[in-house]
Amino acid sequence: MYRGVPRLRASSSSIMNYLTVAQLRKKASNSVAAVQDTFYSTKDIFERHKVVFTISTSIASVATAWAGYTLRHLHESKVEQKLESIEKAMKSSYHMEDPEFKNLFQELLVFQLVLQLPERV
């Protein structure tokens, strides 16, 4: 006869027929002990490898900063290319001379600087 894990029958059987209070307490304490063992072993691993984690997070931070700088530089170069193409298109279509562009852009720069100044009360 098979004496493995008791199986629930379809007839009004419940888990309480098979497990006593003592067995439930034992299972609960075993579960708590397993969770505590897992926690302490994970904590021990982190404490033993603290230097490795510190160095790897520093390297990850440097890599993130480098990636951000690179992406910002690429975006800036694309914006510069678009501005140059707009400038060339304006020169070709309106036949404007360089002094006119300089005056126009100086006015725009002054306007931008005025907008960026903090308000004084």
PDB file of N, CA and C in Angstrom:
ATOM      1  N   MET A   1       0.839  -1.172   0.000  1.00  0.00           N
ATOM      2  CA  MET A   1       0.000   0.000   0.000  1.00  0.00           C
ATOM      3  C   MET A   1       0.884   1.235   0.000  1.00  0.00           C
ATOM      4  N   TYR A   2       0.492   2.227  -0.766  1.00  0.00           N
ATOM      5  CA  TYR A   2       1.250   3.478  -0.885  1.00  0.00           C
ATOM      6  C   TYR A   2       1.034   4.323   0.370  1.00  0.00           C
ATOM      7  N   ARG A   3       2.142   4.775   1.006  1.00  0.00           N
ATOM      8  CA  ARG A   3       2.026   5.579   2.212  1.00  0.00           C
ATOM      9  C   ARG A   3       2.662   6.948   2.024  1.00  0.00           C
ATOM     10  N   GLY A   4       2.538   7.515   0.861  1.00  0.00           N
ATOM     11  CA  GLY A   4       3.117   8.825   0.559  1.00  0.00           C
ATOM     12  C   GLY A   4       2.267   9.940   1.135  1.00  0.00           C
ATOM     13  N   VAL A   5       2.204  11.037   0.406  1.00  0.00           N
ATOM     14  CA  VAL A   5       1.428  12.193   0.834  1.00  0.00           C
ATOM     15  C   VAL A   5      -0.038  11.830   0.817  1.00  0.00           C
ATOM     16  N   PRO A   6      -0.747  12.088   1.900  1.00  0.00           N
ATOM     17  CA  PRO A   6      -2.180  11.758   1.903  1.00  0.00           C
ATOM     18  C   PRO A   6      -2.927  12.623   0.904  1.00  0.00           C
ATOM     19  N   ARG A   7      -3.842  12.022   0.207  1.00  0.00           N
ATOM     20  CA  ARG A   7      -4.591  12.737  -0.821  1.00  0.00           C
ATOM     21  C   ARG A   7      -5.987  13.052  -0.304  1.00  0.00           C
ATOM     22  N   LEU A   8      -6.500  14.185  -0.746  1.00  0.00           N
ATOM     23  CA  LEU A   8      -7.861  14.561  -0.375  1.00  0.00           C
ATOM     24  C   LEU A   8      -8.846  13.798  -1.244  1.00  0.00           C
ATOM     25  N   ARG A   9      -9.867  13.304  -0.640  1.00  0.00           N
ATOM     26  CA  ARG A   9     -10.881  12.580  -1.392  1.00  0.00           C
ATOM     27  C   ARG A   9     -11.980  13.550  -1.789  1.00  0.00           C
ATOM     28  N   ALA A  10     -12.721  13.185  -2.785  1.00  0.00           N
ATOM     29  CA  ALA A  10     -13.805  14.021  -3.282  1.00  0.00           C
ATOM     30  C   ALA A  10     -14.928  14.139  -2.255  1.00  0.00           C
ATOM     31  N   SER A  11     -15.054  13.166  -1.411  1.00  0.00           N
ATOM     32  CA  SER A  11     -16.111  13.262  -0.408  1.00  0.00           C
ATOM     33  C   SER A  11     -15.700  14.244   0.663  1.00  0.00           C
ATOM     34  N   SER A  12     -16.524  14.969   1.175  1.00  0.00           N
ATOM     35  CA  SER A  12     -16.371  16.085   2.104  1.00  0.00           C
ATOM     36  C   SER A  12     -15.133  16.027   2.999  1.00  0.00           C
ATOM     37  N   SER A  13     -13.993  15.756   2.471  1.00  0.00           N
ATOM     38  CA  SER A  13     -12.754  15.749   3.240  1.00  0.00           C
ATOM     39  C   SER A  13     -12.163  17.147   3.237  1.00  0.00           C
ATOM     40  N   SER A  14     -11.498  17.483   4.290  1.00  0.00           N
ATOM     41  CA  SER A  14     -10.821  18.774   4.341  1.00  0.00           C
ATOM     42  C   SER A  14      -9.389  18.553   4.776  1.00  0.00           C
ATOM     43  N   ILE A  15      -8.633  19.586   4.675  1.00  0.00           N
ATOM     44  CA  ILE A  15      -7.214  19.493   5.027  1.00  0.00           C
ATOM     45  C   ILE A  15      -7.042  19.267   6.521  1.00  0.00           C
ATOM     46  N   MET A  16      -8.026  19.671   7.311  1.00  0.00           N
ATOM     47  CA  MET A  16      -7.929  19.504   8.752  1.00  0.00           C
ATOM     48  C   MET A  16      -8.007  18.028   9.171  1.00  0.00           C
ATOM     49  N   ASN A  17      -8.606  17.193   8.344  1.00  0.00           N
ATOM     50  CA  ASN A  17      -8.655  15.771   8.670  1.00  0.00           C
ATOM     51  C   ASN A  17      -7.261  15.153   8.617  1.00  0.00           C
ATOM     52  N   TYR A  18      -6.387  15.708   7.809  1.00  0.00           N
ATOM     53  CA  TYR A  18      -5.068  15.119   7.611  1.00  0.00           C
ATOM     54  C   TYR A  18      -3.980  15.814   8.408  1.00  0.00           C
ATOM     55  N   LEU A  19      -4.161  17.074   8.708  1.00  0.00           N
ATOM     56  CA  LEU A  19      -3.129  17.802   9.424  1.00  0.00           C
ATOM     57  C   LEU A  19      -3.623  18.182  10.811  1.00  0.00           C
ATOM     58  N   THR A  20      -2.857  17.844  11.779  1.00  0.00           N
ATOM     59  CA  THR A  20      -3.206  18.236  13.133  1.00  0.00           C
ATOM     60  C   THR A  20      -2.630  19.615  13.408  1.00  0.00           C
ATOM     61  N   VAL A  21      -2.993  20.172  14.522  1.00  0.00           N
ATOM     62  CA  VAL A  21      -2.491  21.494  14.908  1.00  0.00           C
ATOM     63  C   VAL A  21      -0.980  21.456  15.068  1.00  0.00           C
ATOM     64  N   ALA A  22      -0.465  20.395  15.623  1.00  0.00           N
ATOM     65  CA  ALA A  22       0.981  20.274  15.809  1.00  0.00           C
ATOM     66  C   ALA A  22       1.700  20.236  14.466  1.00  0.00           C
ATOM     67  N   GLN A  23       1.112  19.537  13.504  1.00  0.00           N
ATOM     68  CA  GLN A  23       1.723  19.483  12.173  1.00  0.00           C
ATOM     69  C   GLN A  23       1.689  20.848  11.498  1.00  0.00           C
ATOM     70  N   LEU A  24       0.581  21.580  11.676  1.00  0.00           N
ATOM     71  CA  LEU A  24       0.488  22.926  11.094  1.00  0.00           C
ATOM     72  C   LEU A  24       1.521  23.858  11.708  1.00  0.00           C
ATOM     73  N   ARG A  25       1.696  23.758  13.025  1.00  0.00           N
ATOM     74  CA  ARG A  25       2.724  24.588  13.684  1.00  0.00           C
ATOM     75  C   ARG A  25       4.113  24.241  13.178  1.00  0.00           C
ATOM     76  N   LYS A  26       4.365  22.959  13.004  1.00  0.00           N
ATOM     77  CA  LYS A  26       5.677  22.523  12.520  1.00  0.00           C
ATOM     78  C   LYS A  26       5.926  23.039  11.107  1.00  0.00           C
ATOM     79  N   LYS A  27       4.910  22.960  10.241  1.00  0.00           N
ATOM     80  CA  LYS A  27       5.056  23.466   8.875  1.00  0.00           C
ATOM     81  C   LYS A  27       5.271  24.975   8.868  1.00  0.00           C
ATOM     82  N   ALA A  28       4.541  25.682   9.726  1.00  0.00           N
ATOM     83  CA  ALA A  28       4.691  27.138   9.799  1.00  0.00           C
ATOM     84  C   ALA A  28       6.076  27.508  10.304  1.00  0.00           C
ATOM     85  N   SER A  29       6.550  26.811  11.345  1.00  0.00           N
ATOM     86  CA  SER A  29       7.882  27.144  11.864  1.00  0.00           C
ATOM     87  C   SER A  29       8.967  26.785  10.852  1.00  0.00           C
ATOM     88  N   ASN A  30       8.769  25.698  10.101  1.00  0.00           N
ATOM     89  CA  ASN A  30       9.733  25.343   9.051  1.00  0.00           C
ATOM     90  C   ASN A  30       9.753  26.407   7.953  1.00  0.00           C
ATOM     91  N   SER A  31       8.583  26.928   7.607  1.00  0.00           N
ATOM     92  CA  SER A  31       8.522  27.979   6.583  1.00  0.00           C
ATOM     93  C   SER A  31       9.211  29.250   7.057  1.00  0.00           C
ATOM     94  N   VAL A  32       8.964  29.626   8.302  1.00  0.00           N
ATOM     95  CA  VAL A  32       9.609  30.819   8.860  1.00  0.00           C
ATOM     96  C   VAL A  32      11.117  30.627   8.905  1.00  0.00           C
ATOM     97  N   ALA A  33      11.563  29.457   9.310  1.00  0.00           N
ATOM     98  CA  ALA A  33      12.996  29.175   9.366  1.00  0.00           C
ATOM     99  C   ALA A  33      13.623  29.231   7.972  1.00  0.00           C
ATOM    100  N   ALA A  34      12.918  28.717   6.965  1.00  0.00           N
ATOM    101  CA  ALA A  34      13.439  28.759   5.591  1.00  0.00           C
ATOM    102  C   ALA A  34      13.566  30.197   5.104  1.00  0.00           C
ATOM    103  N   VAL A  35      12.577  31.034   5.401  1.00  0.00           N
ATOM    104  CA  VAL A  35      12.640  32.438   4.991  1.00  0.00           C
ATOM    105  C   VAL A  35      13.787  33.139   5.695  1.00  0.00           C
ATOM    106  N   GLN A  36      13.946  32.872   7.011  1.00  0.00           N
ATOM    107  CA  GLN A  36      15.042  33.495   7.755  1.00  0.00           C
ATOM    108  C   GLN A  36      16.396  33.038   7.235  1.00  0.00           C
ATOM    109  N   ASP A  37      16.536  31.752   6.928  1.00  0.00           N
ATOM    110  CA  ASP A  37      17.800  31.246   6.371  1.00  0.00           C
ATOM    111  C   ASP A  37      18.120  31.926   5.047  1.00  0.00           C
ATOM    112  N   THR A  38      17.120  32.067   4.201  1.00  0.00           N
ATOM    113  CA  THR A  38      17.328  32.730   2.913  1.00  0.00           C
ATOM    114  C   THR A  38      17.741  34.178   3.110  1.00  0.00           C
ATOM    115  N   PHE A  39      17.073  34.860   4.039  1.00  0.00           N
ATOM    116  CA  PHE A  39      17.401  36.264   4.305  1.00  0.00           C
ATOM    117  C   PHE A  39      18.835  36.402   4.801  1.00  0.00           C
ATOM    118  N   TYR A  40      19.203  35.582   5.790  1.00  0.00           N
ATOM    119  CA  TYR A  40      20.549  35.714   6.363  1.00  0.00           C
ATOM    120  C   TYR A  40      21.638  35.299   5.377  1.00  0.00           C
ATOM    121  N   SER A  41      21.373  34.299   4.547  1.00  0.00           N
ATOM    122  CA  SER A  41      22.390  33.916   3.561  1.00  0.00           C
ATOM    123  C   SER A  41      22.558  35.011   2.509  1.00  0.00           C
ATOM    124  N   THR A  42      21.452  35.629   2.090  1.00  0.00           N
ATOM    125  CA  THR A  42      21.544  36.739   1.138  1.00  0.00           C
ATOM    126  C   THR A  42      22.270  37.917   1.763  1.00  0.00           C
ATOM    127  N   LYS A  43      21.947  38.211   3.014  1.00  0.00           N
ATOM    128  CA  LYS A  43      22.609  39.309   3.727  1.00  0.00           C
ATOM    129  C   LYS A  43      24.105  39.041   3.847  1.00  0.00           C
ATOM    130  N   ASP A  44      24.460  37.792   4.141  1.00  0.00           N
ATOM    131  CA  ASP A  44      25.870  37.416   4.272  1.00  0.00           C
ATOM    132  C   ASP A  44      26.606  37.583   2.946  1.00  0.00           C
ATOM    133  N   ILE A  45      25.963  37.198   1.845  1.00  0.00           N
ATOM    134  CA  ILE A  45      26.588  37.356   0.525  1.00  0.00           C
ATOM    135  C   ILE A  45      26.843  38.822   0.224  1.00  0.00           C
ATOM    136  N   PHE A  46      25.852  39.669   0.507  1.00  0.00           N
ATOM    137  CA  PHE A  46      26.028  41.100   0.251  1.00  0.00           C
ATOM    138  C   PHE A  46      27.130  41.686   1.136  1.00  0.00           C
ATOM    139  N   GLU A  47      27.213  41.264   2.382  1.00  0.00           N
ATOM    140  CA  GLU A  47      28.247  41.800   3.269  1.00  0.00           C
ATOM    141  C   GLU A  47      29.636  41.339   2.855  1.00  0.00           C
ATOM    142  N   ARG A  48      29.756  40.095   2.397  1.00  0.00           N
ATOM    143  CA  ARG A  48      31.067  39.598   1.987  1.00  0.00           C
ATOM    144  C   ARG A  48      31.539  40.227   0.678  1.00  0.00           C
ATOM    145  N   HIS A  49      30.612  40.651  -0.163  1.00  0.00           N
ATOM    146  CA  HIS A  49      30.970  41.210  -1.459  1.00  0.00           C
ATOM    147  C   HIS A  49      30.668  42.706  -1.538  1.00  0.00           C
ATOM    148  N   LYS A  50      30.723  43.385  -0.408  1.00  0.00           N
ATOM    149  CA  LYS A  50      30.387  44.804  -0.352  1.00  0.00           C
ATOM    150  C   LYS A  50      31.281  45.633  -1.266  1.00  0.00           C
ATOM    151  N   VAL A  51      32.571  45.336  -1.286  1.00  0.00           N
ATOM    152  CA  VAL A  51      33.516  46.088  -2.113  1.00  0.00           C
ATOM    153  C   VAL A  51      33.216  45.877  -3.593  1.00  0.00           C
ATOM    154  N   VAL A  52      32.896  44.646  -3.960  1.00  0.00           N
ATOM    155  CA  VAL A  52      32.585  44.353  -5.358  1.00  0.00           C
ATOM    156  C   VAL A  52      31.335  45.124  -5.797  1.00  0.00           C
ATOM    157  N   PHE A  53      30.317  45.143  -4.944  1.00  0.00           N
ATOM    158  CA  PHE A  53      29.096  45.863  -5.286  1.00  0.00           C
ATOM    159  C   PHE A  53      29.347  47.364  -5.368  1.00  0.00           C
ATOM    160  N   THR A  54      30.182  47.890  -4.467  1.00  0.00           N
ATOM    161  CA  THR A  54      30.482  49.319  -4.489  1.00  0.00           C
ATOM    162  C   THR A  54      31.212  49.700  -5.771  1.00  0.00           C
ATOM    163  N   ILE A  55      32.205  48.912  -6.138  1.00  0.00           N
ATOM    164  CA  ILE A  55      32.974  49.202  -7.355  1.00  0.00           C
ATOM    165  C   ILE A  55      32.086  49.050  -8.590  1.00  0.00           C
ATOM    166  N   SER A  56      31.264  48.007  -8.620  1.00  0.00           N
ATOM    167  CA  SER A  56      30.415  47.805  -9.809  1.00  0.00           C
ATOM    168  C   SER A  56      29.370  48.905  -9.939  1.00  0.00           C
ATOM    169  N   THR A  57      28.820  49.393  -8.833  1.00  0.00           N
ATOM    170  CA  THR A  57      27.867  50.504  -8.942  1.00  0.00           C
ATOM    171  C   THR A  57      28.563  51.786  -9.360  1.00  0.00           C
ATOM    172  N   SER A  58      29.812  51.973  -8.938  1.00  0.00           N
ATOM    173  CA  SER A  58      30.558  53.146  -9.386  1.00  0.00           C
ATOM    174  C   SER A  58      30.831  53.078 -10.884  1.00  0.00           C
ATOM    175  N   ILE A  59      31.194  51.911 -11.354  1.00  0.00           N
ATOM    176  CA  ILE A  59      31.441  51.732 -12.789  1.00  0.00           C
ATOM    177  C   ILE A  59      30.146  51.953 -13.578  1.00  0.00           C
ATOM    178  N   ALA A  60      29.040  51.446 -13.059  1.00  0.00           N
ATOM    179  CA  ALA A  60      27.753  51.638 -13.736  1.00  0.00           C
ATOM    180  C   ALA A  60      27.381  53.121 -13.770  1.00  0.00           C
ATOM    181  N   SER A  61      27.692  53.843 -12.716  1.00  0.00           N
ATOM    182  CA  SER A  61      27.397  55.274 -12.676  1.00  0.00           C
ATOM    183  C   SER A  61      28.231  56.028 -13.705  1.00  0.00           C
ATOM    184  N   VAL A  62      29.502  55.688 -13.802  1.00  0.00           N
ATOM    185  CA  VAL A  62      30.374  56.332 -14.791  1.00  0.00           C
ATOM    186  C   VAL A  62      29.894  56.008 -16.205  1.00  0.00           C
ATOM    187  N   ALA A  63      29.514  54.760 -16.441  1.00  0.00           N
ATOM    188  CA  ALA A  63      29.026  54.365 -17.769  1.00  0.00           C
ATOM    189  C   ALA A  63      27.735  55.107 -18.121  1.00  0.00           C
ATOM    190  N   THR A  64      26.865  55.296 -17.154  1.00  0.00           N
ATOM    191  CA  THR A  64      25.626  56.029 -17.399  1.00  0.00           C
ATOM    192  C   THR A  64      25.911  57.493 -17.723  1.00  0.00           C
ATOM    193  N   ALA A  65      26.834  58.090 -16.976  1.00  0.00           N
ATOM    194  CA  ALA A  65      27.195  59.492 -17.242  1.00  0.00           C
ATOM    195  C   ALA A  65      27.811  59.623 -18.631  1.00  0.00           C
ATOM    196  N   TRP A  66      28.681  58.704 -19.008  1.00  0.00           N
ATOM    197  CA  TRP A  66      29.311  58.750 -20.327  1.00  0.00           C
ATOM    198  C   TRP A  66      28.264  58.603 -21.424  1.00  0.00           C
ATOM    199  N   ALA A  67      27.327  57.677 -21.225  1.00  0.00           N
ATOM    200  CA  ALA A  67      26.275  57.477 -22.229  1.00  0.00           C
ATOM    201  C   ALA A  67      25.420  58.738 -22.358  1.00  0.00           C
ATOM    202  N   GLY A  68      25.100  59.371 -21.244  1.00  0.00           N
ATOM    203  CA  GLY A  68      24.321  60.613 -21.289  1.00  0.00           C
ATOM    204  C   GLY A  68      25.067  61.719 -22.007  1.00  0.00           C
ATOM    205  N   TYR A  69      26.365  61.846 -21.723  1.00  0.00           N
ATOM    206  CA  TYR A  69      27.177  62.862 -22.399  1.00  0.00           C
ATOM    207  C   TYR A  69      27.218  62.595 -23.894  1.00  0.00           C
ATOM    208  N   THR A  70      27.416  61.337 -24.275  1.00  0.00           N
ATOM    209  CA  THR A  70      27.492  60.977 -25.688  1.00  0.00           C
ATOM    210  C   THR A  70      26.174  61.273 -26.403  1.00  0.00           C
ATOM    211  N   LEU A  71      25.069  60.898 -25.778  1.00  0.00           N
ATOM    212  CA  LEU A  71      23.767  61.173 -26.394  1.00  0.00           C
ATOM    213  C   LEU A  71      23.504  62.675 -26.509  1.00  0.00           C
ATOM    214  N   ARG A  72      23.893  63.430 -25.482  1.00  0.00           N
ATOM    215  CA  ARG A  72      23.703  64.882 -25.540  1.00  0.00           C
ATOM    216  C   ARG A  72      24.547  65.482 -26.661  1.00  0.00           C
ATOM    217  N   HIS A  73      25.783  65.001 -26.807  1.00  0.00           N
ATOM    218  CA  HIS A  73      26.667  65.506 -27.866  1.00  0.00           C
ATOM    219  C   HIS A  73      26.095  65.173 -29.244  1.00  0.00           C
ATOM    220  N   LEU A  74      25.584  63.954 -29.426  1.00  0.00           N
ATOM    221  CA  LEU A  74      24.991  63.574 -30.705  1.00  0.00           C
ATOM    222  C   LEU A  74      23.766  64.437 -31.020  1.00  0.00           C
ATOM    223  N   HIS A  75      22.933  64.676 -30.011  1.00  0.00           N
ATOM    224  CA  HIS A  75      21.752  65.507 -30.210  1.00  0.00           C
ATOM    225  C   HIS A  75      22.160  66.928 -30.583  1.00  0.00           C
ATOM    226  N   GLU A  76      23.163  67.448 -29.889  1.00  0.00           N
ATOM    227  CA  GLU A  76      23.638  68.804 -30.179  1.00  0.00           C
ATOM    228  C   GLU A  76      24.164  68.914 -31.604  1.00  0.00           C
ATOM    229  N   SER A  77      24.906  67.903 -32.056  1.00  0.00           N
ATOM    230  CA  SER A  77      25.435  67.954 -33.424  1.00  0.00           C
ATOM    231  C   SER A  77      24.308  67.870 -34.457  1.00  0.00           C
ATOM    232  N   LYS A  78      23.276  67.081 -34.180  1.00  0.00           N
ATOM    233  CA  LYS A  78      22.136  67.008 -35.099  1.00  0.00           C
ATOM    234  C   LYS A  78      21.400  68.341 -35.156  1.00  0.00           C
ATOM    235  N   VAL A  79      21.240  68.987 -34.008  1.00  0.00           N
ATOM    236  CA  VAL A  79      20.576  70.291 -33.985  1.00  0.00           C
ATOM    237  C   VAL A  79      21.399  71.313 -34.759  1.00  0.00           C
ATOM    238  N   GLU A  80      22.713  71.275 -34.580  1.00  0.00           N
ATOM    239  CA  GLU A  80      23.590  72.197 -35.320  1.00  0.00           C
ATOM    240  C   GLU A  80      23.473  71.967 -36.822  1.00  0.00           C
ATOM    241  N   GLN A  81      23.423  70.711 -37.245  1.00  0.00           N
ATOM    242  CA  GLN A  81      23.281  70.414 -38.673  1.00  0.00           C
ATOM    243  C   GLN A  81      21.954  70.943 -39.212  1.00  0.00           C
ATOM    244  N   LYS A  82      20.894  70.774 -38.451  1.00  0.00           N
ATOM    245  CA  LYS A  82      19.592  71.279 -38.904  1.00  0.00           C
ATOM    246  C   LYS A  82      19.600  72.801 -38.988  1.00  0.00           C
ATOM    247  N   LEU A  83      20.207  73.447 -37.996  1.00  0.00           N
ATOM    248  CA  LEU A  83      20.284  74.912 -38.030  1.00  0.00           C
ATOM    249  C   LEU A  83      21.096  75.395 -39.233  1.00  0.00           C
ATOM    250  N   GLU A  84      22.199  74.696 -39.529  1.00  0.00           N
ATOM    251  CA  GLU A  84      23.007  75.070 -40.694  1.00  0.00           C
ATOM    252  C   GLU A  84      22.204  74.886 -41.981  1.00  0.00           C
ATOM    253  N   SER A  85      21.430  73.804 -42.064  1.00  0.00           N
ATOM    254  CA  SER A  85      20.639  73.596 -43.279  1.00  0.00           C
ATOM    255  C   SER A  85      19.550  74.670 -43.403  1.00  0.00           C
ATOM    256  N   ILE A  86      18.969  75.082 -42.285  1.00  0.00           N
ATOM    257  CA  ILE A  86      17.978  76.164 -42.319  1.00  0.00           C
ATOM    258  C   ILE A  86      18.640  77.460 -42.762  1.00  0.00           C
ATOM    259  N   GLU A  87      19.835  77.717 -42.237  1.00  0.00           N
ATOM    260  CA  GLU A  87      20.554  78.933 -42.611  1.00  0.00           C
ATOM    261  C   GLU A  87      20.876  78.931 -44.106  1.00  0.00           C
ATOM    262  N   LYS A  88      21.330  77.797 -44.633  1.00  0.00           N
ATOM    263  CA  LYS A  88      21.630  77.709 -46.063  1.00  0.00           C
ATOM    264  C   LYS A  88      20.375  77.901 -46.903  1.00  0.00           C
ATOM    265  N   ALA A  89      19.269  77.317 -46.453  1.00  0.00           N
ATOM    266  CA  ALA A  89      18.017  77.462 -47.201  1.00  0.00           C
ATOM    267  C   ALA A  89      17.555  78.920 -47.206  1.00  0.00           C
ATOM    268  N   MET A  90      17.705  79.602 -46.092  1.00  0.00           N
ATOM    269  CA  MET A  90      17.306  81.011 -46.037  1.00  0.00           C
ATOM    270  C   MET A  90      18.200  81.870 -46.919  1.00  0.00           C
ATOM    271  N   LYS A  91      19.494  81.568 -46.908  1.00  0.00           N
ATOM    272  CA  LYS A  91      20.419  82.335 -47.750  1.00  0.00           C
ATOM    273  C   LYS A  91      20.086  82.145 -49.223  1.00  0.00           C
ATOM    274  N   SER A  92      19.796  80.920 -49.596  1.00  0.00           N
ATOM    275  CA  SER A  92      19.542  80.653 -51.019  1.00  0.00           C
ATOM    276  C   SER A  92      18.188  81.193 -51.470  1.00  0.00           C
ATOM    277  N   SER A  93      17.192  81.133 -50.609  1.00  0.00           N
ATOM    278  CA  SER A  93      15.863  81.565 -51.054  1.00  0.00           C
ATOM    279  C   SER A  93      15.652  83.068 -50.911  1.00  0.00           C
ATOM    280  N   TYR A  94      16.249  83.693 -49.925  1.00  0.00           N
ATOM    281  CA  TYR A  94      16.023  85.125 -49.717  1.00  0.00           C
ATOM    282  C   TYR A  94      17.211  85.994 -50.136  1.00  0.00           C
ATOM    283  N   HIS A  95      18.302  85.390 -50.524  1.00  0.00           N
ATOM    284  CA  HIS A  95      19.507  86.089 -50.964  1.00  0.00           C
ATOM    285  C   HIS A  95      19.951  87.127 -49.936  1.00  0.00           C
ATOM    286  N   MET A  96      19.972  86.719 -48.704  1.00  0.00           N
ATOM    287  CA  MET A  96      20.399  87.619 -47.630  1.00  0.00           C
ATOM    288  C   MET A  96      21.914  87.571 -47.501  1.00  0.00           C
ATOM    289  N   GLU A  97      22.471  88.659 -47.122  1.00  0.00           N
ATOM    290  CA  GLU A  97      23.913  88.757 -46.924  1.00  0.00           C
ATOM    291  C   GLU A  97      24.242  88.431 -45.474  1.00  0.00           C
ATOM    292  N   ASP A  98      25.504  88.201 -45.230  1.00  0.00           N
ATOM    293  CA  ASP A  98      25.947  87.847 -43.884  1.00  0.00           C
ATOM    294  C   ASP A  98      25.634  88.918 -42.837  1.00  0.00           C
ATOM    295  N   PRO A  99      25.817  90.206 -43.095  1.00  0.00           N
ATOM    296  CA  PRO A  99      25.503  91.200 -42.053  1.00  0.00           C
ATOM    297  C   PRO A  99      24.033  91.156 -41.631  1.00  0.00           C
ATOM    298  N   GLU A 100      23.145  90.867 -42.575  1.00  0.00           N
ATOM    299  CA  GLU A 100      21.730  90.774 -42.223  1.00  0.00           C
ATOM    300  C   GLU A 100      21.483  89.605 -41.277  1.00  0.00           C
ATOM    301  N   PHE A 101      22.121  88.467 -41.574  1.00  0.00           N
ATOM    302  CA  PHE A 101      21.990  87.310 -40.692  1.00  0.00           C
ATOM    303  C   PHE A 101      22.561  87.598 -39.319  1.00  0.00           C
ATOM    304  N   LYS A 102      23.722  88.269 -39.283  1.00  0.00           N
ATOM    305  CA  LYS A 102      24.345  88.576 -37.998  1.00  0.00           C
ATOM    306  C   LYS A 102      23.423  89.448 -37.157  1.00  0.00           C
ATOM    307  N   ASN A 103      22.830  90.451 -37.766  1.00  0.00           N
ATOM    308  CA  ASN A 103      21.913  91.315 -37.022  1.00  0.00           C
ATOM    309  C   ASN A 103      20.695  90.530 -36.534  1.00  0.00           C
ATOM    310  N   LEU A 104      20.155  89.688 -37.410  1.00  0.00           N
ATOM    311  CA  LEU A 104      18.987  88.895 -37.045  1.00  0.00           C
ATOM    312  C   LEU A 104      19.305  87.972 -35.873  1.00  0.00           C
ATOM    313  N   PHE A 105      20.428  87.259 -35.951  1.00  0.00           N
ATOM    314  CA  PHE A 105      20.781  86.325 -34.896  1.00  0.00           C
ATOM    315  C   PHE A 105      21.183  87.044 -33.614  1.00  0.00           C
ATOM    316  N   GLN A 106      21.808  88.213 -33.717  1.00  0.00           N
ATOM    317  CA  GLN A 106      22.138  88.977 -32.514  1.00  0.00           C
ATOM    318  C   GLN A 106      20.863  89.414 -31.808  1.00  0.00           C
ATOM    319  N   GLU A 107      19.871  89.836 -32.555  1.00  0.00           N
ATOM    320  CA  GLU A 107      18.608  90.226 -31.950  1.00  0.00           C
ATOM    321  C   GLU A 107      17.943  89.032 -31.271  1.00  0.00           C
ATOM    322  N   LEU A 108      18.013  87.869 -31.919  1.00  0.00           N
ATOM    323  CA  LEU A 108      17.438  86.675 -31.318  1.00  0.00           C
ATOM    324  C   LEU A 108      18.177  86.278 -30.039  1.00  0.00           C
ATOM    325  N   LEU A 109      19.501  86.395 -30.055  1.00  0.00           N
ATOM    326  CA  LEU A 109      20.280  86.054 -28.865  1.00  0.00           C
ATOM    327  C   LEU A 109      19.968  87.007 -27.716  1.00  0.00           C
ATOM    328  N   VAL A 110      19.868  88.296 -28.017  1.00  0.00           N
ATOM    329  CA  VAL A 110      19.533  89.263 -26.973  1.00  0.00           C
ATOM    330  C   VAL A 110      18.155  88.967 -26.411  1.00  0.00           C
ATOM    331  N   PHE A 111      17.221  88.636 -27.283  1.00  0.00           N
ATOM    332  CA  PHE A 111      15.870  88.309 -26.842  1.00  0.00           C
ATOM    333  C   PHE A 111      15.871  87.079 -25.927  1.00  0.00           C
ATOM    334  N   GLN A 112      16.663  86.045 -26.301  1.00  0.00           N
ATOM    335  CA  GLN A 112      16.758  84.842 -25.478  1.00  0.00           C
ATOM    336  C   GLN A 112      17.397  85.153 -24.131  1.00  0.00           C
ATOM    337  N   LEU A 113      18.423  86.006 -24.128  1.00  0.00           N
ATOM    338  CA  LEU A 113      19.065  86.363 -22.867  1.00  0.00           C
ATOM    339  C   LEU A 113      18.108  87.121 -21.962  1.00  0.00           C
ATOM    340  N   VAL A 114      17.308  87.982 -22.535  1.00  0.00           N
ATOM    341  CA  VAL A 114      16.336  88.728 -21.735  1.00  0.00           C
ATOM    342  C   VAL A 114      15.313  87.772 -21.129  1.00  0.00           C
ATOM    343  N   LEU A 115      14.909  86.773 -21.890  1.00  0.00           N
ATOM    344  CA  LEU A 115      13.943  85.813 -21.373  1.00  0.00           C
ATOM    345  C   LEU A 115      14.530  84.945 -20.269  1.00  0.00           C
ATOM    346  N   GLN A 116      15.832  84.715 -20.306  1.00  0.00           N
ATOM    347  CA  GLN A 116      16.463  83.836 -19.322  1.00  0.00           C
ATOM    348  C   GLN A 116      16.850  84.568 -18.050  1.00  0.00           C
ATOM    349  N   LEU A 117      16.850  85.881 -18.041  1.00  0.00           N
ATOM    350  CA  LEU A 117      17.225  86.625 -16.842  1.00  0.00           C
ATOM    351  C   LEU A 117      16.186  86.430 -15.745  1.00  0.00           C
ATOM    352  N   PRO A 118      16.649  86.232 -14.510  1.00  0.00           N
ATOM    353  CA  PRO A 118      15.675  86.117 -13.427  1.00  0.00           C
ATOM    354  C   PRO A 118      15.038  87.457 -13.140  1.00  0.00           C
ATOM    355  N   GLU A 119      13.797  87.422 -12.743  1.00  0.00           N
ATOM    356  CA  GLU A 119      13.091  88.667 -12.476  1.00  0.00           C
ATOM    357  C   GLU A 119      13.567  89.230 -11.146  1.00  0.00           C
ATOM    358  N   ARG A 120      13.776  90.516 -11.115  1.00  0.00           N
ATOM    359  CA  ARG A 120      14.216  91.169  -9.874  1.00  0.00           C
ATOM    360  C   ARG A 120      13.041  91.956  -9.312  1.00  0.00           C
ATOM    361  N   VAL A 121      12.839  91.773  -8.050  1.00  0.00           N
ATOM    362  CA  VAL A 121      11.712  92.439  -7.390  1.00  0.00           C
ATOM    363  C   VAL A 121      12.182  93.660  -6.638  1.00  0.00           C
TER     364      VAL A 121
END
